[in-house]
C-alpha atoms as a PDB file:
ATOM      1  CA  MET A   1       0.000   0.000   0.000  1.00  0.00           C
ATOM      2  CA  GLU A   2       1.290   3.474  -0.871  1.00  0.00           C
ATOM      3  CA  ALA A   3       2.497   5.781   1.884  1.00  0.00           C
ATOM      4  CA  LYS A   4      -0.071   8.319   3.024  1.00  0.00           C
ATOM      5  CA  PRO A   5       1.049  11.885   2.252  1.00  0.00           C
ATOM      6  CA  HIS A   6       0.941  14.694   4.780  1.00  0.00           C
ATOM      7  CA  LEU A   7      -2.582  16.046   4.564  1.00  0.00           C
ATOM      8  CA  LEU A   8      -3.715  19.625   4.772  1.00  0.00           C
ATOM      9  CA  ASP A   9      -4.016  21.765   7.881  1.00  0.00           C
ATOM     10  CA  ASP A  10      -7.004  20.624   9.949  1.00  0.00           C
ATOM     11  CA  ALA A  11      -8.495  24.119  10.032  1.00  0.00           C
ATOM     12  CA  LEU A  12      -8.471  24.309   6.236  1.00  0.00           C
ATOM     13  CA  VAL A  13     -10.073  20.874   5.876  1.00  0.00           C
ATOM     14  CA  GLU A  14     -12.793  21.903   8.327  1.00  0.00           C
ATOM     15  CA  GLU A  15     -13.366  25.103   6.356  1.00  0.00           C
ATOM     16  CA  ILE A  16     -13.619  23.082   3.143  1.00  0.00           C
ATOM     17  CA  GLU A  17     -16.177  20.732   4.734  1.00  0.00           C
ATOM     18  CA  GLN A  18     -18.319  23.596   6.032  1.00  0.00           C
ATOM     19  CA  PHE A  19     -18.296  25.314   2.660  1.00  0.00           C
ATOM     20  CA  ALA A  20     -19.115  22.030   0.891  1.00  0.00           C
ATOM     21  CA  VAL A  21     -22.159  21.684   3.168  1.00  0.00           C
ATOM     22  CA  GLU A  22     -23.234  25.232   2.346  1.00  0.00           C
ATOM     23  CA  ILE A  23     -23.129  24.757  -1.413  1.00  0.00           C
ATOM     24  CA  ALA A  24     -24.624  21.248  -1.200  1.00  0.00           C
ATOM     25  CA  ARG A  25     -27.639  22.878   0.441  1.00  0.00           C
ATOM     26  CA  GLY A  26     -27.711  25.380  -2.395  1.00  0.00           C
ATOM     27  CA  ALA A  27     -27.639  22.528  -4.909  1.00  0.00           C
ATOM     28  CA  GLY A  28     -30.469  20.871  -2.988  1.00  0.00           C
ATOM     29  CA  ARG A  29     -32.584  24.018  -3.284  1.00  0.00           C
ATOM     30  CA  ILE A  30     -32.072  24.078  -7.048  1.00  0.00           C
ATOM     31  CA  LEU A  31     -32.906  20.389  -7.468  1.00  0.00           C
ATOM     32  CA  SER A  32     -35.927  20.410  -5.175  1.00  0.00           C
ATOM     33  CA  GLY A  33     -37.175  23.603  -6.836  1.00  0.00           C
ATOM     34  CA  HIS A  34     -37.290  21.971 -10.277  1.00  0.00           C
ATOM     35  CA  PHE A  35     -38.307  18.477  -9.158  1.00  0.00           C
ATOM     36  CA  GLY A  36     -41.583  17.282 -10.652  1.00  0.00           C
ATOM     37  CA  SER A  37     -41.627  19.894 -13.415  1.00  0.00           C
ATOM     38  CA  GLN A  38     -40.887  19.441 -17.108  1.00  0.00           C
ATOM     39  CA  VAL A  39     -37.159  19.835 -17.726  1.00  0.00           C
ATOM     40  CA  GLN A  40     -35.141  20.062 -20.927  1.00  0.00           C
ATOM     41  CA  VAL A  41     -33.296  16.808 -21.638  1.00  0.00           C
ATOM     42  CA  GLU A  42     -30.351  15.965 -23.887  1.00  0.00           C
ATOM     43  CA  PHE A  43     -28.576  12.644 -24.311  1.00  0.00           C
ATOM     44  CA  LYS A  44     -24.838  11.992 -24.276  1.00  0.00           C
ATOM     45  CA  ASP A  45     -25.157   8.784 -26.325  1.00  0.00           C
ATOM     46  CA  LYS A  46     -26.996   7.782 -29.502  1.00  0.00           C
ATOM     47  CA  HIS A  47     -28.988   5.102 -27.666  1.00  0.00           C
ATOM     48  CA  GLU A  48     -30.522   7.770 -25.375  1.00  0.00           C
ATOM     49  CA  ARG A  49     -29.561   5.946 -22.182  1.00  0.00           C
ATOM     50  CA  ASP A  50     -27.337   8.627 -20.646  1.00  0.00           C
ATOM     51  CA  PRO A  51     -29.440  11.767 -20.156  1.00  0.00           C
ATOM     52  CA  VAL A  52     -28.391  15.198 -18.970  1.00  0.00           C
ATOM     53  CA  THR A  53     -30.943  17.841 -18.079  1.00  0.00           C
ATOM     54  CA  ALA A  54     -30.840  21.602 -17.894  1.00  0.00           C
ATOM     55  CA  VAL A  55     -31.012  21.148 -14.103  1.00  0.00           C
ATOM     56  CA  ASP A  56     -27.751  19.097 -14.132  1.00  0.00           C
ATOM     57  CA  LYS A  57     -26.048  21.978 -15.930  1.00  0.00           C
ATOM     58  CA  GLU A  58     -27.600  24.711 -13.781  1.00  0.00           C
ATOM     59  CA  THR A  59     -26.548  22.924 -10.599  1.00  0.00           C
ATOM     60  CA  GLN A  60     -22.980  22.381 -11.795  1.00  0.00           C
ATOM     61  CA  GLN A  61     -22.676  26.017 -12.876  1.00  0.00           C
ATOM     62  CA  TYR A  62     -23.816  27.084  -9.417  1.00  0.00           C
ATOM     63  CA  LEU A  63     -21.345  24.766  -7.657  1.00  0.00           C
ATOM     64  CA  THR A  64     -18.344  25.625  -9.822  1.00  0.00           C
ATOM     65  CA  GLY A  65     -19.090  29.334  -9.588  1.00  0.00           C
ATOM     66  CA  GLU A  66     -19.269  29.260  -5.792  1.00  0.00           C
ATOM     67  CA  ILE A  67     -16.057  27.223  -5.499  1.00  0.00           C
ATOM     68  CA  ALA A  68     -14.215  29.603  -7.832  1.00  0.00           C
ATOM     69  CA  LYS A  69     -15.218  32.578  -5.680  1.00  0.00           C
ATOM     70  CA  ARG A  70     -14.202  30.960  -2.384  1.00  0.00           C
ATOM     71  CA  PHE A  71     -11.205  28.864  -3.449  1.00  0.00           C
ATOM     72  CA  PRO A  72      -9.942  30.272  -6.776  1.00  0.00           C
ATOM     73  CA  HIS A  73      -6.723  28.238  -6.677  1.00  0.00           C
ATOM     74  CA  HIS A  74      -8.455  24.861  -6.273  1.00  0.00           C
ATOM     75  CA  GLY A  75      -9.318  22.608  -9.205  1.00  0.00           C
ATOM     76  CA  VAL A  76     -12.765  21.340 -10.176  1.00  0.00           C
ATOM     77  CA  LEU A  77     -13.669  18.062 -11.893  1.00  0.00           C
ATOM     78  CA  GLY A  78     -17.357  17.981 -12.769  1.00  0.00           C
ATOM     79  CA  GLU A  79     -19.287  15.316 -14.623  1.00  0.00           C
ATOM     80  CA  GLU A  80     -20.976  17.848 -16.909  1.00  0.00           C
ATOM     81  CA  GLY A  81     -17.807  19.467 -18.225  1.00  0.00           C
ATOM     82  CA  THR A  82     -17.411  21.265 -21.540  1.00  0.00           C
ATOM     83  CA  LYS A  83     -15.772  19.519 -24.503  1.00  0.00           C
ATOM     84  CA  GLU A  84     -12.566  21.423 -23.797  1.00  0.00           C
ATOM     85  CA  GLU A  85     -12.619  20.384 -20.145  1.00  0.00           C
ATOM     86  CA  LYS A  86     -13.200  16.751 -21.070  1.00  0.00           C
ATOM     87  CA  GLU A  87     -10.150  16.741 -23.349  1.00  0.00           C
ATOM     88  CA  SER A  88      -7.895  18.802 -21.075  1.00  0.00           C
ATOM     89  CA  GLU A  89      -4.350  17.509 -20.639  1.00  0.00           C
ATOM     90  CA  ASP A  90      -3.688  20.048 -17.872  1.00  0.00           C
ATOM     91  CA  LEU A  91      -2.318  18.555 -14.667  1.00  0.00           C
ATOM     92  CA  ALA A  92      -4.806  18.321 -11.826  1.00  0.00           C
ATOM     93  CA  LYS A  93      -4.524  20.782  -8.950  1.00  0.00           C
ATOM     94  CA  ASP A  94      -3.459  19.331  -5.591  1.00  0.00           C
ATOM     95  CA  ILE A  95      -6.847  20.210  -4.073  1.00  0.00           C
ATOM     96  CA  LEU A  96      -9.597  19.035  -6.376  1.00  0.00           C
ATOM     97  CA  TRP A  97     -13.376  19.383  -5.968  1.00  0.00           C
ATOM     98  CA  VAL A  98     -15.097  16.433  -7.616  1.00  0.00           C
ATOM     99  CA  LEU A  99     -18.733  17.121  -8.513  1.00  0.00           C
ATOM    100  CA  ASP A 100     -21.732  15.166  -9.661  1.00  0.00           C
ATOM    101  CA  PRO A 101     -24.418  17.864  -9.678  1.00  0.00           C
ATOM    102  CA  LEU A 102     -27.221  15.351 -10.182  1.00  0.00           C
ATOM    103  CA  ASP A 103     -26.495  11.648  -9.791  1.00  0.00           C
ATOM    104  CA  GLY A 104     -29.624   9.727 -10.740  1.00  0.00           C
ATOM    105  CA  THR A 105     -30.747  11.950 -13.606  1.00  0.00           C
ATOM    106  CA  THR A 106     -33.103   9.331 -15.081  1.00  0.00           C
ATOM    107  CA  ASN A 107     -34.855   8.980 -11.713  1.00  0.00           C
ATOM    108  CA  TYR A 108     -35.102  12.762 -11.381  1.00  0.00           C
ATOM    109  CA  MET A 109     -36.560  13.399 -14.838  1.00  0.00           C
ATOM    110  CA  ASN A 110     -39.137  10.643 -14.286  1.00  0.00           C
ATOM    111  CA  GLY A 111     -40.243  11.971 -10.910  1.00  0.00           C
ATOM    112  CA  LEU A 112     -38.577   9.343  -8.683  1.00  0.00           C
ATOM    113  CA  PRO A 113     -36.979  11.040  -5.635  1.00  0.00           C
ATOM    114  CA  MET A 114     -33.884   8.834  -5.529  1.00  0.00           C
ATOM    115  CA  PHE A 115     -30.990  11.030  -6.589  1.00  0.00           C
ATOM    116  CA  ALA A 116     -28.135  13.014  -5.083  1.00  0.00           C
ATOM    117  CA  SER A 117     -25.878  15.986  -5.602  1.00  0.00           C
ATOM    118  CA  SER A 118     -22.408  14.820  -4.640  1.00  0.00           C
ATOM    119  CA  ILE A 119     -19.417  16.951  -3.658  1.00  0.00           C
ATOM    120  CA  GLY A 120     -16.134  15.253  -2.825  1.00  0.00           C
ATOM    121  CA  VAL A 121     -12.807  16.963  -2.220  1.00  0.00           C
ATOM    122  CA  MET A 122      -9.451  15.269  -2.771  1.00  0.00           C
ATOM    123  CA  TYR A 123      -5.916  16.239  -1.850  1.00  0.00           C
ATOM    124  CA  ARG A 124      -3.410  14.587  -4.202  1.00  0.00           C
ATOM    125  CA  GLY A 125      -5.791  11.680  -4.705  1.00  0.00           C
ATOM    126  CA  TRP A 126      -6.861  11.278  -1.065  1.00  0.00           C
ATOM    127  CA  PRO A 127     -10.520  12.047  -0.210  1.00  0.00           C
ATOM    128  CA  ILE A 128     -10.511  14.648   2.578  1.00  0.00           C
ATOM    129  CA  ALA A 129     -14.040  16.114   2.734  1.00  0.00           C
ATOM    130  CA  ALA A 130     -17.510  15.541   1.349  1.00  0.00           C
ATOM    131  CA  ALA A 131     -21.069  16.818   1.281  1.00  0.00           C
ATOM    132  CA  VAL A 132     -23.916  14.969  -0.444  1.00  0.00           C
ATOM    133  CA  TYR A 133     -27.439  16.342  -0.776  1.00  0.00           C
ATOM    134  CA  ILE A 134     -30.101  13.626  -0.456  1.00  0.00           C
ATOM    135  CA  PRO A 135     -33.860  14.169  -0.988  1.00  0.00           C
ATOM    136  CA  TRP A 136     -35.621  12.908   2.124  1.00  0.00           C
ATOM    137  CA  PRO A 137     -39.002  13.210   3.877  1.00  0.00           C
ATOM    138  CA  THR A 138     -37.533  15.240   6.735  1.00  0.00           C
ATOM    139  CA  GLY A 139     -39.459  17.356   9.212  1.00  0.00           C
ATOM    140  CA  SER A 140     -39.629  21.127   9.355  1.00  0.00           C
ATOM    141  CA  SER A 141     -36.357  21.273  11.314  1.00  0.00           C
ATOM    142  CA  SER A 142     -34.327  20.247   8.256  1.00  0.00           C
ATOM    143  CA  LYS A 143     -31.831  22.849   7.112  1.00  0.00           C
ATOM    144  CA  THR A 144     -32.286  21.796   3.488  1.00  0.00           C
ATOM    145  CA  GLU A 145     -35.689  21.986   1.854  1.00  0.00           C
ATOM    146  CA  GLY A 146     -36.864  18.514   0.897  1.00  0.00           C
ATOM    147  CA  GLY A 147     -33.816  16.641   2.139  1.00  0.00           C
ATOM    148  CA  PHE A 148     -30.617  16.549   4.193  1.00  0.00           C
ATOM    149  CA  VAL A 149     -26.888  16.959   3.587  1.00  0.00           C
ATOM    150  CA  LEU A 150     -24.647  14.044   4.498  1.00  0.00           C
ATOM    151  CA  HIS A 151     -21.222  15.472   5.259  1.00  0.00           C
ATOM    152  CA  CYS A 152     -17.833  14.595   6.691  1.00  0.00           C
ATOM    153  CA  ARG A 153     -14.145  15.321   6.714  1.00  0.00           C
ATOM    154  CA  LYS A 154     -11.257  12.910   7.163  1.00  0.00           C
ATOM    155  CA  GLY A 155     -11.153  11.874  10.799  1.00  0.00           C
ATOM    156  CA  GLY A 156     -14.170  13.968  11.795  1.00  0.00           C
ATOM    157  CA  GLY A 157     -17.073  11.509  11.666  1.00  0.00           C
ATOM    158  CA  CYS A 158     -20.127  11.559   9.407  1.00  0.00           C
ATOM    159  CA  PHE A 159     -23.340  13.538   9.885  1.00  0.00           C
ATOM    160  CA  ALA A 160     -26.770  13.946   8.292  1.00  0.00           C
ATOM    161  CA  ASP A 161     -27.148  17.684   8.847  1.00  0.00           C
ATOM    162  CA  ASP A 162     -26.313  17.796  12.592  1.00  0.00           C
ATOM    163  CA  ASP A 163     -27.054  14.164  13.459  1.00  0.00           C
ATOM    164  CA  PRO A 164     -24.211  11.600  13.554  1.00  0.00           C
ATOM    165  CA  VAL A 165     -24.730   8.519  11.392  1.00  0.00           C
ATOM    166  CA  SER A 166     -23.094   5.095  11.247  1.00  0.00           C
ATOM    167  CA  VAL A 167     -23.036   2.049   9.002  1.00  0.00           C
ATOM    168  CA  TYR A 168     -25.060  -1.037   9.922  1.00  0.00           C
ATOM    169  CA  MET A 169     -22.920  -3.292  12.083  1.00  0.00           C
ATOM    170  CA  SER A 170     -23.011  -7.089  11.837  1.00  0.00           C
ATOM    171  CA  ASP A 171     -20.491  -9.910  11.606  1.00  0.00           C
ATOM    172  CA  GLU A 172     -21.959 -11.166   8.327  1.00  0.00           C
ATOM    173  CA  PRO A 173     -24.746 -10.195   5.896  1.00  0.00           C
ATOM    174  CA  VAL A 174     -28.279 -10.333   7.309  1.00  0.00           C
ATOM    175  CA  PRO A 175     -30.668 -11.980   4.791  1.00  0.00           C
ATOM    176  CA  SER A 176     -33.613  -9.716   5.699  1.00  0.00           C
ATOM    177  CA  ARG A 177     -31.728  -6.414   5.423  1.00  0.00           C
ATOM    178  CA  LEU A 178     -31.238  -4.347   2.273  1.00  0.00           C
ATOM    179  CA  ILE A 179     -28.227  -4.393  -0.036  1.00  0.00           C
ATOM    180  CA  GLY A 180     -27.400  -2.250  -3.057  1.00  0.00           C
ATOM    181  CA  VAL A 181     -26.181  -3.970  -6.219  1.00  0.00           C
ATOM    182  CA  PRO A 182     -25.873  -2.975  -9.902  1.00  0.00           C
ATOM    183  CA  GLY A 183     -28.863  -3.673 -12.120  1.00  0.00           C
ATOM    184  CA  TYR A 184     -26.940  -6.283 -14.133  1.00  0.00           C
ATOM    185  CA  PHE A 185     -25.760  -8.212 -11.067  1.00  0.00           C
ATOM    186  CA  GLY A 186     -28.388 -10.944 -11.354  1.00  0.00           C
ATOM    187  CA  VAL A 187     -27.194 -12.101 -14.768  1.00  0.00           C
ATOM    188  CA  GLY A 188     -23.522 -11.192 -14.613  1.00  0.00           C
ATOM    189  CA  GLN A 189     -22.366 -12.140 -11.157  1.00  0.00           C
ATOM    190  CA  GLY A 190     -23.231 -14.155  -8.084  1.00  0.00           C
ATOM    191  CA  PHE A 191     -22.077 -15.074  -4.630  1.00  0.00           C
ATOM    192  CA  THR A 192     -20.042 -18.116  -3.736  1.00  0.00           C
ATOM    193  CA  GLY A 193     -19.749 -20.178  -0.571  1.00  0.00           C
ATOM    194  CA  LYS A 194     -21.866 -19.470   2.475  1.00  0.00           C
ATOM    195  CA  LEU A 195     -23.232 -16.226   0.996  1.00  0.00           C
ATOM    196  CA  ALA A 196     -25.153 -17.995  -1.759  1.00  0.00           C
ATOM    197  CA  GLY A 197     -28.828 -17.190  -1.229  1.00  0.00           C
ATOM    198  CA  LYS A 198     -28.191 -15.326   2.037  1.00  0.00           C
ATOM    199  CA  ALA A 199     -26.555 -12.092   0.924  1.00  0.00           C
ATOM    200  CA  GLY A 200     -29.517  -9.790   1.663  1.00  0.00           C
ATOM    201  CA  GLU A 201     -32.553  -8.150   0.036  1.00  0.00           C
ATOM    202  CA  VAL A 202     -31.479  -6.612  -3.272  1.00  0.00           C
ATOM    203  CA  ARG A 203     -32.260  -3.000  -4.172  1.00  0.00           C
ATOM    204  CA  THR A 204     -31.074  -1.037  -7.206  1.00  0.00           C
ATOM    205  CA  THR A 205     -31.752   2.699  -6.934  1.00  0.00           C
ATOM    206  CA  GLY A 206     -30.119   4.092 -10.075  1.00  0.00           C
ATOM    207  CA  SER A 207     -27.777   6.437  -8.179  1.00  0.00           C
ATOM    208  CA  ILE A 208     -24.347   5.458  -6.882  1.00  0.00           C
ATOM    209  CA  ALA A 209     -24.025   8.510  -4.639  1.00  0.00           C
ATOM    210  CA  TYR A 210     -27.476   7.825  -3.166  1.00  0.00           C
ATOM    211  CA  GLU A 211     -26.622   4.187  -2.393  1.00  0.00           C
ATOM    212  CA  LEU A 212     -23.320   5.139  -0.768  1.00  0.00           C
ATOM    213  CA  ALA A 213     -25.192   7.666   1.373  1.00  0.00           C
ATOM    214  CA  MET A 214     -27.719   4.992   2.347  1.00  0.00           C
ATOM    215  CA  THR A 215     -24.838   2.688   3.276  1.00  0.00           C
ATOM    216  CA  ALA A 216     -23.243   5.383   5.440  1.00  0.00           C
ATOM    217  CA  ARG A 217     -26.589   5.919   7.149  1.00  0.00           C
ATOM    218  CA  GLY A 218     -27.143   2.192   7.757  1.00  0.00           C
ATOM    219  CA  VAL A 219     -30.190   1.883   5.500  1.00  0.00           C
ATOM    220  CA  LEU A 220     -28.262  -0.468   3.198  1.00  0.00           C
ATOM    221  CA  GLN A 221     -26.053  -2.972   5.018  1.00  0.00           C
ATOM    222  CA  TYR A 222     -23.633  -2.844   2.089  1.00  0.00           C
ATOM    223  CA  ALA A 223     -23.486  -1.776  -1.553  1.00  0.00           C
ATOM    224  CA  MET A 224     -21.520  -2.909  -4.615  1.00  0.00           C
ATOM    225  CA  PHE A 225     -20.595  -0.945  -7.735  1.00  0.00           C
ATOM    226  CA  GLY A 226     -19.081  -2.201 -10.984  1.00  0.00           C
ATOM    227  CA  ALA A 227     -17.174   0.798 -12.354  1.00  0.00           C
ATOM    228  CA  PRO A 228     -18.148   4.152 -10.823  1.00  0.00           C
ATOM    229  CA  ARG A 229     -16.424   7.335 -11.936  1.00  0.00           C
ATOM    230  CA  LEU A 230     -14.736   9.666  -9.471  1.00  0.00           C
ATOM    231  CA  TRP A 231     -17.679  12.079  -9.382  1.00  0.00           C
ATOM    232  CA  ASP A 232     -20.028   9.188  -8.550  1.00  0.00           C
ATOM    233  CA  MET A 233     -18.126   7.945  -5.525  1.00  0.00           C
ATOM    234  CA  VAL A 234     -15.603  10.313  -3.893  1.00  0.00           C
ATOM    235  CA  GLY A 235     -18.123  12.020  -1.606  1.00  0.00           C
ATOM    236  CA  GLY A 236     -20.126   8.928  -0.706  1.00  0.00           C
ATOM    237  CA  ALA A 237     -17.125   6.641  -0.219  1.00  0.00           C
ATOM    238  CA  LEU A 238     -15.524   8.989   2.302  1.00  0.00           C
ATOM    239  CA  ALA A 239     -18.896   9.269   4.068  1.00  0.00           C
ATOM    240  CA  VAL A 240     -19.030   5.474   4.456  1.00  0.00           C
ATOM    241  CA  GLU A 241     -15.530   5.429   5.960  1.00  0.00           C
ATOM    242  CA  GLU A 242     -16.281   8.286   8.347  1.00  0.00           C
ATOM    243  CA  ALA A 243     -19.512   6.528   9.378  1.00  0.00           C
ATOM    244  CA  GLY A 244     -17.384   3.660  10.666  1.00  0.00           C
ATOM    245  CA  GLY A 245     -17.407   1.615   7.481  1.00  0.00           C
ATOM    246  CA  LEU A 246     -14.901   0.244   5.003  1.00  0.00           C
ATOM    247  CA  VAL A 247     -14.668   0.674   1.246  1.00  0.00           C
ATOM    248  CA  MET A 248     -12.907  -2.042  -0.739  1.00  0.00           C
ATOM    249  CA  THR A 249     -11.614  -1.447  -4.249  1.00  0.00           C
ATOM    250  CA  ARG A 250      -9.453  -3.015  -6.916  1.00  0.00           C
ATOM    251  CA  PHE A 251      -7.605  -0.914  -9.478  1.00  0.00           C
ATOM    252  CA  ARG A 252      -7.000  -1.877 -13.083  1.00  0.00           C
ATOM    253  CA  GLY A 253      -4.571  -4.786 -13.319  1.00  0.00           C
ATOM    254  CA  GLU A 254      -4.980  -5.784  -9.661  1.00  0.00           C
ATOM    255  CA  LYS A 255      -6.306  -9.219  -8.764  1.00  0.00           C
ATOM    256  CA  ARG A 256      -6.970  -8.599  -5.087  1.00  0.00           C
ATOM    257  CA  TRP A 257      -9.370  -6.239  -3.355  1.00  0.00           C
ATOM    258  CA  HIS A 258      -7.924  -3.828  -0.788  1.00  0.00           C
ATOM    259  CA  PRO A 259      -9.219  -1.052   1.506  1.00  0.00           C
ATOM    260  CA  MET A 260      -9.581   2.290  -0.228  1.00  0.00           C
ATOM    261  CA  GLY A 261      -6.689   4.649   0.290  1.00  0.00           C
ATOM    262  CA  SER A 262      -5.496   7.100  -2.314  1.00  0.00           C
ATOM    263  CA  LEU A 263      -7.686   6.927  -5.409  1.00  0.00           C
ATOM    264  CA  VAL A 264      -4.629   7.826  -7.490  1.00  0.00           C
ATOM    265  CA  PRO A 265      -1.680   5.949  -5.902  1.00  0.00           C
ATOM    266  CA  THR A 266       0.773   7.281  -8.496  1.00  0.00           C
ATOM    267  CA  TRP A 267      -0.025  10.955  -7.820  1.00  0.00           C
ATOM    268  CA  GLU A 268       3.295  11.709  -6.090  1.00  0.00           C
ATOM    269  CA  THR A 269       5.427  10.276  -8.889  1.00  0.00           C
ATOM    270  CA  HIS A 270       3.104  10.889 -11.843  1.00  0.00           C
ATOM    271  CA  PRO A 271       0.590  13.709 -11.241  1.00  0.00           C
ATOM    272  CA  PRO A 272      -2.463  12.934 -13.380  1.00  0.00           C
ATOM    273  CA  SER A 273      -3.999  15.095 -16.068  1.00  0.00           C
ATOM    274  CA  MET A 274      -7.627  16.126 -15.810  1.00  0.00           C
ATOM    275  CA  LYS A 275      -8.377  13.843 -18.763  1.00  0.00           C
ATOM    276  CA  GLU A 276      -6.855  10.881 -16.921  1.00  0.00           C
ATOM    277  CA  LEU A 277      -8.972  11.593 -13.863  1.00  0.00           C
ATOM    278  CA  ARG A 278     -12.077  11.885 -16.029  1.00  0.00           C
ATOM    279  CA  ASN A 279     -11.402   8.347 -17.286  1.00  0.00           C
ATOM    280  CA  TRP A 280     -10.896   6.902 -13.783  1.00  0.00           C
ATOM    281  CA  ALA A 281     -13.115   3.908 -12.918  1.00  0.00           C
ATOM    282  CA  ALA A 282     -12.836   1.068 -10.393  1.00  0.00           C
ATOM    283  CA  PRO A 283     -15.196  -1.409  -8.678  1.00  0.00           C
ATOM    284  CA  LEU A 284     -16.206  -0.769  -5.076  1.00  0.00           C
ATOM    285  CA  VAL A 285     -17.748  -2.667  -2.174  1.00  0.00           C
ATOM    286  CA  ALA A 286     -18.869  -0.499   0.754  1.00  0.00           C
ATOM    287  CA  GLY A 287     -20.116  -1.724   4.131  1.00  0.00           C
ATOM    288  CA  ASN A 288     -18.991  -2.300   7.687  1.00  0.00           C
ATOM    289  CA  PRO A 289     -15.389  -3.444   8.361  1.00  0.00           C
ATOM    290  CA  LYS A 290     -16.372  -7.120   8.655  1.00  0.00           C
ATOM    291  CA  VAL A 291     -18.938  -7.438   5.877  1.00  0.00           C
ATOM    292  CA  ALA A 292     -17.266  -5.381   3.109  1.00  0.00           C
ATOM    293  CA  PRO A 293     -14.177  -7.664   2.829  1.00  0.00           C
ATOM    294  CA  LEU A 294     -16.389 -10.750   3.076  1.00  0.00           C
ATOM    295  CA  ILE A 295     -18.514  -9.568   0.159  1.00  0.00           C
ATOM    296  CA  ALA A 296     -15.498  -8.583  -1.927  1.00  0.00           C
ATOM    297  CA  ASP A 297     -13.911 -11.997  -1.414  1.00  0.00           C
ATOM    298  CA  ASN A 298     -17.083 -13.926  -2.276  1.00  0.00           C
ATOM    299  CA  VAL A 299     -18.469 -12.146  -5.309  1.00  0.00           C
ATOM    300  CA  LYS A 300     -17.272 -13.518  -8.626  1.00  0.00           C
ATOM    301  CA  ARG A 301     -18.237 -13.310 -12.243  1.00  0.00           C
ATOM    302  CA  ARG A 302     -19.722 -16.767 -12.722  1.00  0.00           C
ATOM    303  CA  PHE A 303     -21.630 -16.740 -15.956  1.00  0.00           C
ATOM    304  CA  SER A 304     -22.244 -14.521 -18.956  1.00  0.00           C
ATOM    305  CA  LEU A 305     -25.550 -13.235 -20.249  1.00  0.00           C
ATOM    306  CA  ASN A 306     -25.158 -15.462 -23.308  1.00  0.00           C
ATOM    307  CA  HIS A 307     -24.659 -18.492 -21.085  1.00  0.00           C
ATOM    308  CA  GLN A 308     -27.667 -17.546 -18.989  1.00  0.00           C
ATOM    309  CA  VAL A 309     -29.871 -17.237 -22.102  1.00  0.00           C
ATOM    310  CA  LYS A 310     -28.714 -20.654 -23.317  1.00  0.00           C
ATOM    311  CA  LYS A 311     -29.417 -22.108 -19.876  1.00  0.00           C
ATOM    312  CA  MET A 312     -32.937 -20.681 -19.900  1.00  0.00           C
ATOM    313  CA  THR A 313     -33.763 -21.843 -23.440  1.00  0.00           C
ATOM    314  CA  ARG A 314     -32.205 -25.301 -23.206  1.00  0.00           C
ATOM    315  CA  PRO A 315     -35.329 -26.991 -21.695  1.00  0.00           C
ATOM    316  CA  ILE A 316     -37.521 -25.446 -24.411  1.00  0.00           C
ATOM    317  CA  LEU A 317     -35.249 -26.700 -27.179  1.00  0.00           C
ATOM    318  CA  ARG A 318     -35.132 -30.125 -25.554  1.00  0.00           C
ATOM    319  CA  ARG A 319     -38.931 -30.345 -25.465  1.00  0.00           C
ATOM    320  CA  GLU A 320     -39.231 -29.209 -29.067  1.00  0.00           C
ATOM    321  CA  ARG A 321     -36.673 -31.780 -30.176  1.00  0.00           C
ATOM    322  CA  LYS A 322     -38.455 -34.547 -28.288  1.00  0.00           C
ATOM    323  CA  LYS A 323     -41.789 -33.493 -29.763  1.00  0.00           C
ATOM    324  CA  SER A 324     -40.309 -33.504 -33.255  1.00  0.00           C
ATOM    325  CA  GLU A 325     -38.902 -37.004 -32.754  1.00  0.00           C
ATOM    326  CA  THR A 326     -42.246 -38.268 -31.438  1.00  0.00           C
ATOM    327  CA  ASN A 327     -44.156 -36.887 -34.429  1.00  0.00           C
ATOM    328  CA  LYS A 328     -41.650 -38.151 -36.958  1.00  0.00           C
ATOM    329  CA  GLU A 329     -43.171 -40.820 -39.261  1.00  0.00           C
ATOM    330  CA  PRO A 330     -41.375 -44.187 -39.169  1.00  0.00           C
ATOM    331  CA  GLU A 331     -39.364 -44.973 -42.242  1.00  0.00           C
ATOM    332  CA  THR A 332     -40.888 -47.481 -44.733  1.00  0.00           C
ATOM    333  CA  GLN A 333     -39.219 -50.803 -44.434  1.00  0.00           C
ATOM    334  CA  LYS A 334     -37.609 -51.978 -47.583  1.00  0.00           C
END
């Protein structure tokens, strides 16, 4: 494991966290203000499966503008960047704000209140602070209209607004409690050993940041992700750790899972470009310190979709073949 670099002054990290909370609340006001109304939608792909709305862009513009005014020398990596930003070969700044203004866009545009606005801050690849807006049926005491802000800083614990939160603690998965898995998990992967059939009640929300927040809050006992981008996971992953949990990952080329440390282990010797960070992706398992490693060690890719289809259709083909043989006229004896 790489050596941990000297982190920033504690007072600065606390200031960063407090400001992240402030602008996460601002993002929440924008999102809740537009929620349920007709919004302009574009698609990033020709199959129209990756939407971006005018609200995504408005929220990111708000966040980046506020960060630039408060911390003009910090860098910003946002999901909804311009074409120039997406192709930038500029080296990343040491302090980098990683933004997903609206994670769960498809849910949002269809009126399903399962989404998040995620703010994560890294120092040379190490997550140091986070604030994630979550829509939630809170009472009138909530500081954020229509939701709460999950926030933390390295070593400072995790809070939903002012209330401390913690991951769900157990020695092994509880079959009756919820787990978050990717939508394709049922056909692409499975559990081995003693976890087979006892891994928990599956839920797929459509938002990585939301599921990480639910894991930090103990709603999900653990969650798995196939290949999240930095903006999907920096804020929520740090929240899970600060809520007493553990995040396991495995970088490209690695065979073994390990606890999350620096998200860019080569930063000290090879500072990354913004384009390289935009292409970052790695699988994650988040949960409590006993369950997360257990899940990581017992989940394996066992069968492909093609194999599953063949398995499902094999009995049908067998019956059709048998029926054909039964109906076949006997050959005329010579």
